[in-house]
Amino acid sequence: MIGASLDIPRRTVHDWISGRVPAGRRAGEQGCQGCGHSVHNFKELPPSYVYLLGLYLGDGCISAHPRAVFRLRLTLDAAYPRIIREAASSVRLVLPKNKVGTLLRPDHSVEVSSFSKSWPCFFPQHGPGKKHLRRIELSQWQHALVTRTPELLLRGLIHSDGCRFMNTGRAGWRHPRYVFANYSSDIRTIFTDACDLIGLRWTPAGRNVYVSRKADVARMDGFIGPKA
């Protein structure tokens, strides 16, 4: 009767009555007010979270599903299998107990996704509507993690909404350059703030941000690597 009235499987009710609570939370342990799991220790998140944050801000979204479950989706270009593998690995490292799926879509993009009740806790930027139509800012704990490894955030942002290209001039000169493009001025500010943390000079141009100085491009080459 309890299971039927609450739409919960009979076996789950039996486990609760027997004292077997979900693995993510022990009996008597204080839970997260957002998702009900054990309180999250964000300070102990692996560095790969910062890379995943960059991917999410650029090419990610979180959608609600039945029973308070959320789906994190990263839409990536199938032409870059190494980035797809690193994205999937980062999701696994952040929530090791959750499955990660990859799906090749007809438009030649690959969707990396994972279900969890906790995704809005890990990405408080989640909300209704497109990112560039609402306020996007890092929480205090996210800012602390980014300050430790701003290179990983920049890497994730470039791997999602940026690229390295060859800038040319009329006199025949050629010089590599990085660009990050995003409709959200808040996300562009997150990118430039990370550049400031490691002393990279940047130049805004509409919805684009360029890093062009030779020394800065060489430094970014060191932690971003080829887009492949």
Foldseek 3Di string as FASTA:
>chain_A
DVCVVVVHDPVQVVCVVVLNDDPQDHPPADADPQQRGHDDDLLPQDLLLLLLLLQCVQAWAWDADPPLKIKIKGKAALVFVVVVVSNLVSVCSRPVVWDWDWDQDPVRIIIIMTMDSCVCVSQVLHDPDDSQVDDDDDDPSSVVSCLVPVLSSLLNQCLRFKAKDWDADPVGDIFIKIKGFDSHPNVVVSNVVSCVSVVFDWDDDHRMIMGGDRVNVVVNCVRNPHRD
